[in-house]
């Protein structure tokens, strides 16, 4: 794929992609999704190899989070066409809880920390249903700050610590692919650096990850690949470095 190409040429190339998932660890093939009568995700396709990190980028309203929710098999938006494959198995015919049981873990923008429970209770609850991932002590070894606050009510943690806990809960469950939705949203620059460190650790552990993030440069620095979206369509798919090196592409679709 050329470093920069307009939407028409990209769509034409995607039309030529084989319907077979081609052995990729995670494969998205021509997915379409709707919120009621609103056509939100319009024919998105891409592949990720095992252990790669992909940034899903675009301006506000481009369809990034809607695409991530579709991939996680949430009910809204509703997938109406296309295929999603993980580790050789179809996800497009599964509900969200079934996808989670198969190893799809979504950390949403609001983090979904459970009030009234301690840090440790949040971690234990994550393991109640489905297959276990990391043991609690493994989580604490990787995130010593959570170990220090294991008995603290989780909603009293700082924003960065809550993001750590949200990621840790995903790791405490059976995990094949991790979806991070706006992990840097609302965090101070110093905390963003801490979250970057966490994502870097996840990458170094070989965990396949998709990041939706407005802070495109920060996300690209941690990623192998990038998909840029505009009005519900993928207008670019290539390496993260290609985006960092291409000012024209960034100016048109990312404004950075």
Protein backbone atom coordinates (compact mmCIF):
# COMPACT_ATOMS: atom_id res chain seq x y z
CA UNK A 1 0.00 0.00 0.00
CA UNK A 2 1.30 3.47 -0.82
CA UNK A 3 2.21 5.75 2.05
CA UNK A 4 -0.68 8.03 1.25
CA UNK A 5 -3.77 7.28 -0.74
CA UNK A 6 -7.19 8.83 -0.99
CA UNK A 7 -10.35 7.15 0.17
CA UNK A 8 -11.41 5.94 -3.27
CA UNK A 9 -8.15 4.12 -3.95
CA UNK A 10 -8.16 2.62 -0.47
CA UNK A 11 -11.71 1.34 -0.80
CA UNK A 12 -10.91 -0.09 -4.23
CA UNK A 13 -7.96 -1.98 -2.77
CA UNK A 14 -10.07 -3.26 0.12
CA UNK A 15 -12.64 -4.59 -2.34
CA UNK A 16 -9.90 -6.78 -3.76
CA UNK A 17 -8.99 -8.33 -0.40
CA UNK A 18 -9.80 -12.02 -0.19
CA UNK A 19 -12.73 -12.93 2.01
CA UNK A 20 -10.49 -15.50 3.68
CA UNK A 21 -8.94 -14.23 6.90
CA UNK A 22 -5.57 -15.27 5.54
CA UNK A 23 -4.14 -16.72 8.73
CA UNK A 24 -3.92 -13.35 10.53
CA UNK A 25 -4.29 -13.57 14.30
CA UNK A 26 -7.05 -10.93 14.23
CA UNK A 27 -8.83 -10.21 10.96
CA UNK A 28 -11.61 -7.73 10.21
CA UNK A 29 -13.38 -8.16 6.88
CA UNK A 30 -15.76 -5.52 5.47
CA UNK A 31 -17.72 -4.86 8.67
CA UNK A 32 -20.80 -2.62 8.68
CA UNK A 33 -22.63 -1.51 11.82
CA UNK A 34 -25.61 0.69 12.66
CA UNK A 35 -26.99 2.66 15.60
CA UNK A 36 -30.67 2.36 14.77
CA UNK A 37 -30.99 4.01 11.35
CA UNK A 38 -27.56 5.66 11.55
CA UNK A 39 -24.92 3.96 9.40
CA UNK A 40 -21.82 4.25 11.56
CA UNK A 41 -19.20 1.68 10.53
CA UNK A 42 -18.95 1.44 6.76
CA UNK A 43 -16.91 -1.44 5.36
CA UNK A 44 -13.83 -1.49 7.59
CA UNK A 45 -11.14 -4.13 6.98
CA UNK A 46 -7.69 -4.78 8.47
CA UNK A 47 -5.44 -7.52 9.85
CA UNK A 48 -3.22 -7.79 12.92
CA UNK A 49 -0.52 -10.37 13.56
CA UNK A 50 -0.15 -11.98 16.97
CA UNK A 51 1.51 -9.59 19.40
CA UNK A 52 1.10 -6.46 17.28
CA UNK A 53 -0.30 -3.15 18.51
CA UNK A 54 -2.62 -1.22 16.20
CA UNK A 55 -3.77 2.39 16.60
CA UNK A 56 -7.29 3.18 15.40
CA UNK A 57 -7.20 6.91 14.72
CA UNK A 58 -9.29 9.76 13.38
CA UNK A 59 -10.98 12.98 14.34
CA UNK A 60 -13.89 13.13 16.78
CA UNK A 61 -16.92 11.44 15.25
CA UNK A 62 -14.87 9.42 12.76
CA UNK A 63 -16.29 6.12 14.06
CA UNK A 64 -13.31 4.84 16.07
CA UNK A 65 -15.10 3.88 19.28
CA UNK A 66 -18.08 2.53 17.34
CA UNK A 67 -15.70 0.27 15.42
CA UNK A 68 -14.06 -0.89 18.65
CA UNK A 69 -17.46 -1.65 20.20
CA UNK A 70 -18.42 -3.61 17.09
CA UNK A 71 -15.22 -5.64 17.31
CA UNK A 72 -15.93 -6.38 20.98
CA UNK A 73 -19.37 -7.64 19.86
CA UNK A 74 -21.41 -5.23 21.95
CA UNK A 75 -25.07 -4.98 21.00
CA UNK A 76 -24.76 -1.34 19.99
CA UNK A 77 -23.86 -0.59 17.28
CA UNK A 78 -25.34 -3.64 15.59
CA UNK A 79 -23.12 -5.56 13.19
CA UNK A 80 -25.11 -6.18 9.99
CA UNK A 81 -22.43 -7.38 7.58
CA UNK A 82 -18.85 -8.60 7.56
CA UNK A 83 -16.62 -11.01 9.41
CA UNK A 84 -14.35 -10.81 12.48
CA UNK A 85 -11.84 -13.60 13.14
CA UNK A 86 -9.66 -14.16 16.20
CA UNK A 87 -7.04 -16.90 16.33
CA UNK A 88 -8.79 -18.77 13.53
CA UNK A 89 -12.24 -18.62 15.15
CA UNK A 90 -15.20 -16.41 14.12
CA UNK A 91 -16.29 -13.61 16.43
CA UNK A 92 -18.95 -12.11 14.17
CA UNK A 93 -21.50 -14.72 15.27
CA UNK A 94 -20.88 -14.26 19.01
CA UNK A 95 -22.41 -12.02 21.65
CA UNK A 96 -20.23 -9.78 23.83
CA UNK A 97 -20.12 -12.22 26.76
CA UNK A 98 -19.12 -15.05 24.41
CA UNK A 99 -16.38 -12.92 22.86
CA UNK A 100 -15.13 -12.07 26.36
CA UNK A 101 -15.06 -15.75 27.28
CA UNK A 102 -12.99 -16.37 24.15
CA UNK A 103 -10.41 -13.77 25.18
CA UNK A 104 -11.64 -10.38 23.92
CA UNK A 105 -11.19 -7.82 26.68
CA UNK A 106 -12.37 -4.21 26.29
CA UNK A 107 -11.21 -1.41 28.58
CA UNK A 108 -13.81 1.31 27.89
CA UNK A 109 -13.17 5.02 28.15
CA UNK A 110 -15.10 5.27 31.43
CA UNK A 111 -13.07 2.32 32.85
CA UNK A 112 -16.10 0.79 34.64
CA UNK A 113 -14.43 0.67 38.05
CA UNK A 114 -16.92 -0.86 40.50
CA UNK A 115 -17.76 1.46 43.38
CA UNK A 116 -17.93 0.13 46.93
CA UNK A 117 -15.23 -2.47 46.23
CA UNK A 118 -11.52 -2.36 46.94
CA UNK A 119 -8.82 -2.66 44.32
CA UNK A 120 -8.36 -6.33 45.13
CA UNK A 121 -12.11 -7.04 45.12
CA UNK A 122 -12.34 -5.49 41.64
CA UNK A 123 -9.61 -7.87 40.49
CA UNK A 124 -11.19 -10.90 42.13
CA UNK A 125 -14.58 -10.09 40.61
CA UNK A 126 -12.99 -9.98 37.15
CA UNK A 127 -12.12 -13.65 37.58
CA UNK A 128 -15.54 -14.84 38.78
CA UNK A 129 -16.77 -15.83 35.32
CA UNK A 130 -14.81 -17.23 32.42
CA UNK A 131 -11.23 -18.45 32.31
CA UNK A 132 -8.66 -16.86 34.59
CA UNK A 133 -5.69 -15.00 33.24
CA UNK A 134 -2.98 -13.65 35.49
CA UNK A 135 -3.09 -14.51 39.17
CA UNK A 136 -3.68 -11.53 41.47
CA UNK A 137 -0.10 -11.64 42.74
CA UNK A 138 1.17 -11.54 39.15
CA UNK A 139 -0.87 -8.38 38.62
CA UNK A 140 0.66 -6.82 41.72
CA UNK A 141 4.17 -7.72 40.56
CA UNK A 142 3.53 -5.93 37.27
CA UNK A 143 1.66 -3.00 38.88
CA UNK A 144 3.21 -2.41 42.32
CA UNK A 145 1.13 0.73 42.85
CA UNK A 146 -2.00 -1.40 42.82
CA UNK A 147 -0.38 -3.71 45.36
CA UNK A 148 0.16 -0.69 47.62
CA UNK A 149 -3.53 0.19 47.31
CA UNK A 150 -5.01 -3.30 47.30
CA UNK A 151 -7.28 -2.53 50.26
CA UNK A 152 -8.28 0.96 49.09
CA UNK A 153 -11.74 1.64 47.68
CA UNK A 154 -11.15 1.57 43.93
CA UNK A 155 -13.13 4.68 42.99
CA UNK A 156 -10.92 6.79 45.28
CA UNK A 157 -7.86 6.05 43.12
CA UNK A 158 -6.43 8.73 40.86
CA UNK A 159 -7.38 8.70 37.20
CA UNK A 160 -4.11 7.08 36.21
CA UNK A 161 -4.42 4.44 38.92
CA UNK A 162 -7.97 3.67 37.84
CA UNK A 163 -6.69 3.17 34.31
CA UNK A 164 -4.06 0.79 35.67
CA UNK A 165 -6.75 -1.13 37.50
CA UNK A 166 -8.96 -1.30 34.41
CA UNK A 167 -6.08 -2.79 32.41
CA UNK A 168 -5.18 -5.13 35.27
CA UNK A 169 -8.74 -6.47 35.39
CA UNK A 170 -8.48 -7.33 31.70
CA UNK A 171 -5.20 -9.14 32.32
CA UNK A 172 -6.75 -11.06 35.21
CA UNK A 173 -9.13 -12.71 32.74
CA UNK A 174 -8.34 -15.00 29.84
CA UNK A 175 -6.89 -12.59 27.28
CA UNK A 176 -6.16 -13.00 23.59
CA UNK A 177 -6.69 -9.43 22.43
CA UNK A 178 -6.99 -6.19 24.38
CA UNK A 179 -9.04 -3.18 23.25
CA UNK A 180 -8.18 0.17 24.89
CA UNK A 181 -10.64 3.02 24.32
CA UNK A 182 -9.10 6.47 24.94
CA UNK A 183 -6.67 5.33 27.68
CA UNK A 184 -5.16 8.85 27.98
CA UNK A 185 -8.47 10.73 28.12
CA UNK A 186 -8.61 13.36 30.88
CA UNK A 187 -5.20 12.46 32.35
CA UNK A 188 -2.39 14.86 33.18
CA UNK A 189 0.75 14.57 31.00
CA UNK A 190 2.73 12.90 33.79
CA UNK A 191 -0.01 10.26 34.18
CA UNK A 192 -0.14 9.78 30.41
CA UNK A 193 3.52 8.81 30.60
CA UNK A 194 2.67 6.19 33.20
CA UNK A 195 -0.12 4.76 31.04
CA UNK A 196 2.24 4.73 28.06
CA UNK A 197 4.60 2.66 30.19
CA UNK A 198 1.78 0.21 30.94
CA UNK A 199 0.86 -0.14 27.26
CA UNK A 200 4.55 -0.62 26.45
CA UNK A 201 4.72 -3.42 29.02
CA UNK A 202 1.63 -5.01 27.47
CA UNK A 203 3.24 -4.80 24.02
CA UNK A 204 6.48 -6.30 25.33
CA UNK A 205 4.50 -9.20 26.80
CA UNK A 206 3.28 -9.98 23.28
CA UNK A 207 -0.37 -9.10 23.93
CA UNK A 208 -2.22 -8.17 20.74
CA UNK A 209 -3.75 -4.72 21.30
CA UNK A 210 -5.95 -2.17 19.53
CA UNK A 211 -5.83 1.39 20.86
CA UNK A 212 -8.43 4.06 20.10
CA UNK A 213 -6.88 7.38 21.05
CA UNK A 214 -7.19 11.09 20.25
CA UNK A 215 -3.56 11.60 21.23
CA UNK A 216 -2.45 10.13 17.93
CA UNK A 217 1.28 10.71 18.28
CA UNK A 218 1.40 9.02 21.68
CA UNK A 219 -0.53 6.03 20.35
CA UNK A 220 1.55 5.77 17.17
CA UNK A 221 4.79 5.70 19.15
CA UNK A 222 3.59 2.48 20.79
CA UNK A 223 2.07 0.86 17.70
CA UNK A 224 3.18 -1.36 14.86
CA UNK A 225 0.23 -0.55 12.61
CA UNK A 226 -2.37 2.17 12.18
CA UNK A 227 -5.84 2.48 10.69
CA UNK A 228 -7.20 5.98 10.12
CA UNK A 229 -10.95 6.47 9.96
CA UNK A 230 -13.07 9.26 8.52
CA UNK A 231 -16.89 9.33 8.61
CA UNK A 232 -17.13 5.64 9.40
CA UNK A 233 -14.72 4.42 6.74
CA UNK A 234 -11.08 3.35 6.88
CA UNK A 235 -9.12 5.75 4.67
CA UNK A 236 -5.66 4.42 5.47
CA UNK A 237 -4.18 1.16 6.75
CA UNK A 238 -0.45 0.72 7.07
CA UNK A 239 2.41 1.00 9.51
CA UNK A 240 2.47 3.48 12.38
CA UNK A 241 5.75 4.85 11.08
CA UNK A 242 4.15 5.67 7.73
CA UNK A 243 1.68 7.94 9.51
CA UNK A 244 4.38 9.57 11.62
CA UNK A 245 6.41 10.22 8.46
CA UNK A 246 3.52 11.53 6.34
CA UNK A 247 2.59 15.13 7.17
CA UNK A 248 -0.02 15.33 4.39
CA UNK A 249 -1.88 12.34 5.80
CA UNK A 250 -1.75 13.69 9.35
CA UNK A 251 -2.89 17.16 8.31
CA UNK A 252 -5.87 15.85 6.36
CA UNK A 253 -7.23 13.29 8.81
CA UNK A 254 -5.62 13.86 12.21
CA UNK A 255 -4.82 17.59 12.38
CA UNK A 256 -1.48 16.94 14.09
